[in-house]
Protein backbone atom coordinates (compact mmCIF):
# COMPACT_ATOMS: atom_id res chain seq x y z
CA MET A 1 0.00 0.00 0.00
CA PHE A 2 1.01 3.62 -0.50
CA VAL A 3 2.02 5.27 2.79
CA GLY A 4 1.70 8.99 3.52
CA VAL A 5 -1.02 9.85 1.01
CA LEU A 6 -3.17 12.87 1.88
CA PRO A 7 -6.87 11.87 2.06
CA GLU A 8 -7.87 14.30 -0.69
CA ARG A 9 -5.25 12.73 -2.99
CA ALA A 10 -6.12 9.08 -2.35
CA TRP A 11 -8.08 8.78 -5.62
CA LEU A 12 -4.87 9.27 -7.60
CA PHE A 13 -2.88 6.41 -6.04
CA GLN A 14 -4.50 3.44 -7.73
CA PRO A 15 -3.78 0.55 -8.04
CA GLN A 16 -2.15 -0.10 -4.67
CA PRO A 17 1.19 -1.93 -4.42
CA ASN A 18 1.48 -5.15 -2.39
CA SER A 19 4.26 -3.74 -0.18
CA GLU A 20 4.52 -0.44 1.68
CA VAL A 21 5.62 2.30 -0.73
CA ALA A 22 6.37 5.80 0.55
CA VAL A 23 4.66 8.91 -0.77
CA SER A 24 5.79 11.29 2.00
CA ASP A 25 9.33 12.02 3.16
CA ALA A 26 8.62 10.80 6.69
CA ALA A 27 7.40 7.45 5.36
CA ALA A 28 10.31 7.25 2.92
CA TRP A 29 12.86 7.82 5.69
CA ARG A 30 11.27 5.06 7.79
CA LEU A 31 10.89 2.52 5.00
CA ASN A 32 14.34 2.95 3.41
CA PRO A 33 16.97 2.69 6.16
CA ALA A 34 19.73 1.77 3.70
CA HIS A 35 19.29 4.97 1.69
CA ARG A 36 17.88 7.55 4.11
CA GLN A 37 21.22 9.40 4.17
CA VAL A 38 20.13 11.30 1.04
CA TYR A 39 17.93 13.45 3.29
CA ASP A 40 21.07 15.00 4.82
CA LYS A 41 21.25 18.20 2.75
CA LEU A 42 24.62 19.24 4.21
CA ALA A 43 26.16 15.92 3.13
CA LEU A 44 24.60 16.34 -0.33
CA ALA A 45 26.09 19.83 -0.69
CA LEU A 46 29.53 18.64 0.36
CA ALA A 47 29.31 15.67 -2.02
CA ALA A 48 28.64 18.17 -4.82
CA GLY A 49 31.80 20.10 -3.91
CA LEU A 50 29.93 23.15 -2.64
CA ARG A 51 31.19 25.33 0.20
CA ALA A 52 28.91 24.53 3.12
CA ALA A 53 29.11 23.91 6.88
CA PRO A 54 26.90 23.70 9.99
CA CYS A 55 25.80 27.02 11.45
CA GLY A 56 28.53 28.04 13.87
CA VAL A 57 31.29 27.55 11.31
CA ASP A 58 32.13 31.00 9.95
CA PRO A 59 31.74 31.12 6.14
CA CYS A 60 34.57 33.66 6.03
CA ASP A 61 36.89 30.98 7.43
CA LEU A 62 36.10 28.95 4.32
CA GLY A 63 37.00 31.73 1.94
CA LEU A 64 33.72 33.61 1.46
CA SER A 65 33.75 37.39 1.65
CA PRO A 66 31.64 38.96 4.42
CA GLU A 67 29.08 40.47 2.03
CA THR A 68 28.54 37.24 0.08
CA GLU A 69 25.00 35.92 0.35
CA VAL A 70 24.59 32.31 1.51
CA PHE A 71 21.56 30.09 1.94
CA VAL A 72 20.65 28.78 5.40
CA LYS A 73 18.38 25.75 5.89
CA PRO A 74 17.86 22.70 8.13
CA ILE A 75 20.31 19.84 7.63
CA VAL A 76 17.41 17.37 7.70
CA ASN A 77 13.79 18.40 7.46
CA LEU A 78 11.10 15.83 6.68
CA ALA A 79 8.16 18.14 7.43
CA GLY A 80 8.39 20.29 4.30
CA MET A 81 11.94 20.41 2.98
CA ALA A 82 11.96 24.18 2.34
CA LEU A 83 10.67 25.13 5.80
CA GLY A 84 13.13 27.16 7.81
CA ALA A 85 15.20 28.15 4.77
CA GLY A 86 16.37 31.67 3.98
CA ARG A 87 19.21 33.92 2.90
CA ALA A 88 21.89 35.56 5.04
CA ARG A 89 25.15 37.47 4.57
CA ALA A 90 28.25 35.40 5.20
CA ASN A 91 29.14 37.58 8.20
CA ALA A 92 25.64 37.32 9.70
CA VAL A 93 24.71 33.63 9.56
CA PRO A 94 22.42 32.88 12.52
CA LEU A 95 23.50 30.35 15.12
CA GLN A 96 20.55 28.16 14.23
CA ALA A 97 20.59 24.70 15.83
CA GLY A 98 20.31 21.86 13.32
CA ALA A 99 20.87 24.13 10.33
CA PHE A 100 23.70 24.73 7.89
CA TRP A 101 24.75 27.36 5.40
CA CYS A 102 25.72 26.78 1.79
CA GLU A 103 27.00 28.98 -0.99
CA ARG A 104 23.99 30.37 -2.82
CA LEU A 105 23.36 28.79 -6.21
CA GLU A 106 22.17 30.63 -9.28
CA GLY A 107 20.50 29.32 -12.40
CA GLU A 108 17.61 27.15 -13.47
CA HIS A 109 15.65 25.36 -10.74
CA THR A 110 14.52 21.87 -11.76
CA SER A 111 12.77 18.95 -10.10
CA SER A 112 13.29 15.50 -11.61
CA ASP A 113 11.57 12.23 -10.73
CA CYS A 114 13.30 8.96 -11.58
CA LEU A 115 12.11 5.35 -11.46
CA VAL A 116 15.01 3.18 -10.33
CA GLN A 117 15.59 -0.58 -10.28
CA ASP A 118 18.43 -1.88 -8.12
CA GLY A 119 20.25 1.45 -8.37
CA GLU A 120 19.86 1.82 -12.13
CA PRO A 121 17.71 4.66 -13.56
CA LEU A 122 14.86 3.48 -15.81
CA TRP A 123 12.73 6.56 -16.52
CA PHE A 124 12.76 10.33 -15.95
CA ALA A 125 10.19 13.12 -15.56
CA HIS A 126 11.61 16.65 -15.53
CA THR A 127 9.90 19.82 -14.31
CA CYS A 128 11.29 23.35 -14.60
CA ALA A 129 10.47 26.16 -12.16
CA SER A 130 9.70 29.77 -12.94
CA ALA A 131 12.52 32.24 -12.46
CA GLU A 132 10.08 34.51 -10.61
CA LYS A 133 9.69 33.49 -6.97
CA ASN A 134 7.58 34.19 -3.90
CA GLN A 135 9.84 33.88 -0.84
CA GLU A 136 12.11 31.46 -2.74
CA ARG A 137 9.08 29.45 -3.97
CA PRO A 138 8.46 29.19 -7.73
CA LEU A 139 5.24 30.78 -8.95
CA TRP A 140 4.77 28.01 -11.48
CA TRP A 141 6.24 24.68 -12.62
CA ASP A 142 6.37 23.47 -16.24
CA VAL A 143 5.91 19.68 -16.00
CA GLY A 144 7.10 17.21 -18.62
CA MET A 145 10.15 18.89 -20.15
CA VAL A 146 12.37 16.87 -22.51
CA ARG A 147 15.88 17.37 -21.10
CA PRO A 148 18.57 14.81 -22.02
CA ASP A 149 21.08 16.89 -20.06
CA LEU A 150 19.05 16.34 -16.91
CA ASP A 151 18.68 12.62 -17.69
CA ALA A 152 22.47 12.33 -17.51
CA ARG A 153 22.85 14.53 -14.42
CA VAL A 154 20.13 12.78 -12.41
CA ALA A 155 21.38 9.33 -13.47
CA GLU A 156 24.86 10.25 -12.21
CA TRP A 157 23.55 11.10 -8.73
CA VAL A 158 21.22 8.09 -8.57
CA ARG A 159 24.05 5.69 -9.36
CA ARG A 160 26.31 7.45 -6.88
CA LEU A 161 23.95 7.68 -3.90
CA LEU A 162 21.32 4.96 -4.37
CA PRO A 163 23.08 1.65 -5.09
CA GLY A 164 20.61 -1.20 -4.63
CA TYR A 165 17.58 1.11 -4.41
CA THR A 166 14.35 0.22 -6.20
CA GLY A 167 11.52 2.74 -6.37
CA LEU A 168 10.84 6.36 -7.18
CA CYS A 169 13.17 9.21 -6.20
CA ASN A 170 13.37 12.94 -6.79
CA LEU A 171 16.34 15.26 -7.23
CA GLU A 172 16.09 19.05 -7.15
CA LEU A 173 18.84 21.04 -8.84
CA ILE A 174 19.72 24.72 -9.14
CA GLY A 175 22.15 25.53 -11.89
CA GLY A 176 22.80 21.81 -12.28
CA GLN A 177 23.86 21.40 -8.63
CA PRO A 178 21.83 19.28 -6.17
CA ILE A 179 19.95 21.00 -3.36
CA GLU A 180 17.61 18.21 -2.19
CA MET A 181 17.02 14.52 -2.79
CA HIS A 182 13.92 12.56 -1.83
CA LEU A 183 13.03 8.86 -1.74
CA ARG A 184 9.64 9.66 -3.25
CA GLY A 185 8.30 11.59 -6.24
CA SER A 186 6.86 15.04 -6.83
CA ASN A 187 3.38 14.09 -5.67
CA GLY A 188 1.78 17.38 -6.69
CA PHE A 189 2.68 16.76 -10.34
CA PHE A 190 1.39 13.19 -10.71
CA GLU A 191 -1.88 14.20 -12.41
CA LEU A 192 0.24 15.40 -15.33
CA TYR A 193 2.26 12.18 -15.64
CA GLY A 194 -0.41 10.29 -17.61
CA PRO A 195 -2.54 7.25 -16.69
CA GLU A 196 0.27 4.72 -17.25
CA PHE A 197 2.58 6.16 -14.58
CA ILE A 198 1.08 4.82 -11.32
CA PRO A 199 0.51 1.27 -12.71
CA ALA A 200 4.11 1.13 -14.00
CA TRP A 201 5.46 2.32 -10.63
CA VAL A 202 3.36 -0.29 -8.80
CA ALA A 203 4.47 -3.06 -11.18
CA LEU A 204 8.11 -2.13 -10.52
CA MET A 205 7.59 -2.26 -6.75
CA ASP A 206 5.66 -5.55 -6.95
CA GLY A 207 8.35 -7.08 -9.14
CA THR A 208 5.92 -7.94 -11.94
CA SER A 209 7.43 -5.65 -14.58
CA ASN A 210 10.18 -3.11 -15.05
CA GLU A 211 8.64 -1.65 -18.21
CA PRO A 212 8.81 2.14 -17.79
CA PRO A 213 5.78 4.30 -18.54
CA PRO A 214 5.75 6.43 -21.71
CA PRO A 215 6.98 10.04 -21.68
CA ILE A 216 4.59 12.16 -19.66
CA PRO A 217 2.10 14.53 -21.34
CA GLY A 218 2.86 17.28 -18.81
CA GLY A 219 1.30 20.69 -18.28
CA LEU A 220 1.54 23.55 -15.78
CA ILE A 221 1.22 23.74 -12.00
CA LEU A 222 0.52 27.30 -10.80
CA SER A 223 0.59 28.58 -7.21
CA VAL A 224 -1.86 31.26 -6.08
CA PHE A 225 -0.14 33.10 -3.22
CA GLY A 226 -1.92 35.52 -0.92
CA THR A 227 -4.40 35.50 1.94
CA ARG A 228 -7.66 35.99 0.02
CA ALA A 229 -9.35 32.88 -1.27
CA LEU A 230 -10.40 32.72 -4.91
CA ASP A 231 -13.84 34.29 -5.25
CA ALA A 232 -16.72 32.80 -7.25
CA ASP A 233 -16.00 34.85 -10.38
CA GLU A 234 -12.32 33.85 -10.36
CA GLN A 235 -13.18 30.19 -9.87
CA GLN A 236 -15.74 30.31 -12.68
CA ALA A 237 -13.25 31.91 -15.07
CA LEU A 238 -10.62 29.28 -14.25
CA GLN A 239 -13.06 26.41 -14.63
CA ALA A 240 -14.02 27.78 -18.06
CA LEU A 241 -10.37 27.26 -19.03
CA ASP A 242 -10.53 23.63 -17.83
CA VAL A 243 -8.19 24.40 -14.95
CA GLU A 244 -8.38 22.20 -11.87
CA ILE A 245 -8.39 24.23 -8.61
CA ARG A 246 -6.93 22.61 -5.50
CA PRO A 247 -7.40 24.60 -2.27
CA ASP A 248 -4.18 24.57 -0.25
CA SER A 249 -4.23 24.44 3.54
CA SER A 250 -0.58 23.40 3.95
CA ALA A 251 0.86 26.90 3.52
CA PRO A 252 -0.87 29.85 5.22
CA ASP A 253 -0.06 32.23 2.35
CA ARG A 254 -0.88 29.96 -0.60
CA VAL A 255 -4.62 29.77 -1.16
CA ALA A 256 -4.69 27.36 -4.11
CA VAL A 257 -2.72 25.28 -6.57
CA LEU A 258 -3.91 25.16 -10.17
CA CYS A 259 -3.38 22.09 -12.33
CA CYS A 260 -3.45 22.83 -16.07
CA ARG A 261 -3.12 19.95 -18.52
CA ASP A 262 -3.20 22.32 -21.48
CA ARG A 263 -0.34 24.80 -21.36
CA THR A 264 -2.19 27.44 -23.40
CA SER A 265 -5.07 27.41 -20.92
CA GLY A 266 -2.56 27.46 -18.08
CA TRP A 267 -0.85 30.61 -19.35
CA MET A 268 -4.25 32.25 -19.84
CA ALA A 269 -5.14 31.39 -16.25
CA TRP A 270 -1.81 32.79 -15.09
CA GLU A 271 -2.42 36.09 -16.87
CA GLN A 272 -5.87 36.36 -15.26
CA LEU A 273 -4.39 35.86 -11.79
CA ARG A 274 -1.32 38.09 -12.06
CA SER A 275 -3.27 41.24 -11.22
CA ARG A 276 -5.22 39.85 -8.25
CA SER A 277 -4.50 41.40 -4.85
CA GLY A 278 -4.50 39.76 -1.45
């Protein structure tokens, strides 16, 4: 059975596998003791050759200038991997218990899911984030990008860090450098992966087939940030564009997530929402 599925998302996770398969990070950490080390973001940064250290180690002692901006975040955080993250100057890193700083990365932000059998990558799904952010969070994600360069990069890290692993994993990169790795997929994107994805994942976990699903059809995932819920007119206009509206209670300043299977409709929805206040 799938473990860690939100009740409102249960309809998506069918059929069910015979064994326990993690959907959340907490479940993935518990069910994969041989590979849970990938959740250590400080170790991941150091493995990538980045300058990073626990809070308390002065970045200037590692060659950064005082005015250089670094990123500070928890070393391990299973309750929302971006929670507690933020920027700081190298000479003003907070003494935050359980956190570390890392040189700040620039460039494209991507999220890649990979089906793996015994440590060998079988299939990829790549998603690219918007350059425009809200408190470091992308305003939209373009799901289903064809990126052979990311195939190679993700495969390199899977083979390096997940020998013997079978299942789904996710790797987030900025500028081609890893920032987070998960022993689960990008659950909020699964609607855009096509109907063959879940059955192929389950067959892999049950050992009945290792035939990967076809390339995903993709689409757009848009975040509606603010404190004011979508009103009736806004909802009606979005529904007319065949946009699925998911209310979001997980983040206090994100009122909804929009799932758009057709990119043209998604961009039209985005333009309608750009001018909303609250």
